[in-house]
Amino acid sequence: MSSRAKRLTTEVGFPISCIGVTVNNEVVLGGGGGPGRSGVKNKLAVYSIDGAELRLNRTSEAILSSSEDAPTCLAIHPKERALVCSINASKEDIQKGGNSNCRVFELAKKSIKAGSKATKTICSTSDFDYQKCIAIDPPGKLVAGGSTDGTLAVVQYPSLRQAFPFVEAAGEVNDVDFNSSGKWLAVATDKELKVISTKDGSLVQNIDEPHTASGQPAVFRFAKFGTSSKSKLKSGVELKNVLYTVLNTKSRKQAYIAMWDAKQWTRLATRPVCQSAITTFALSPSGNLLAVATASLQIAICDAHTLKVLLRIPAAHSFAITALAFDRHDEYLISGSADETCQVIKLPRIWPTTLDGVADLVMTNIQAVAVLMVLLLAILAALVMRR
């Protein structure tokens, strides 16, 4: 159904590649023009949410080196005013094997400061490879990162020492996520979904040959563990024991979300969500909502219990939507784009029904409906006259 959510776009002045929300409900944006002389600076910037105006107000920023890449992914520490993000070093350093890409930044009241710790989480010596995804476990003791060269790294926080040796994944790592206890880590690649132990990297579960409910071949694009311990599915499975996976068909003409029982490792449900590939995925802090963005620039918000689409926002940005994040209270959804804009979407307290969707369609096409009604009345009058 169409959107009744209020939303407003803020120009930030740089392409956004990643978004995080702090424990104080501040929005952190990362991005930029990358290495070179594009004129677009690489940045990490912190914003407060103006709920009345639906605007983002910048409170601090860090201008990063123009000889290095822009931040490609970031994760907010769950207990400290800090974040961990990946920034590729210069081409020369990468080729020498000195790419200390995984870095800690401290979030002060009016500044962002680079921490003293940094480490390498990518094995490749090509500047075309980068860390694509990152996650911090709920206790805040481990950081996981997956890269385009198939490297999976898990390091301890705050030392950034390896928790166990690099794991070689089956291709480019699309997503990583810890479960609520931090004991398991889900790792998604196109061809398979692995769940490993964070104690030693040993395999807990492996799901390969991804497909839709009808058997159509697909790829794993994202994987997120449920977070809520206060809510259950109708089947009785707690949301914290659910693993959500995004499945894009290989034709990229349809996308699905599947739910898995993370105890029995059975598929609970698979539901079509969009008519184009999903490019970004987010789970709300409460665990009750899911959000996706698509290659067709649509944003959809779903119920985490049923996978039912609650809202659709077509043409949400003018260019690729690169990141999504819910605020800490499930009041807003923040979307970022390569078009250098960030959008704040006010989430409804009461979600629209199917009848609301019909009403929206009628109001959107009110002139056409009026013309159709006039034609129908004219036809009815002509039939009456013939009698």
Foldseek 3Di string as FASTA:
>chain_A
DADPWDKDKDFQQAAFFEWEAEPVQKIWTFGWDFADPPVTWGKIWIWHADVVVRDTHTQEMDTDDNQWTIWNYKYYQHPFQKIWTFIFHHLVCLLVVNTQGIWMWGDDRRYIHTDPDTHDQDRHSGPVKTWNEWYAANVRFWIWTWMQAQWIFIATPPNRHGLEDIDGHPGGWQYWEAANVRQWIWTFDFFKIFIAGSNYRHTDDIDGQDAAPVRQGWGWRYKYQFHAPPDDAPVRQGSSQKIWTKTQGPVQQWIKIWIARNVVRDTDDIDTDGRGHWQEKEAALNRQKIWTAGQQGKIWIAGNRPRHTQHIYGCPDPADWNYWYAGNPNQWIWTGRSVSMIMIIGDDPDTDDPVVVVVVVCVVCVVVVVVVVVVVVVVVVVVVVVD
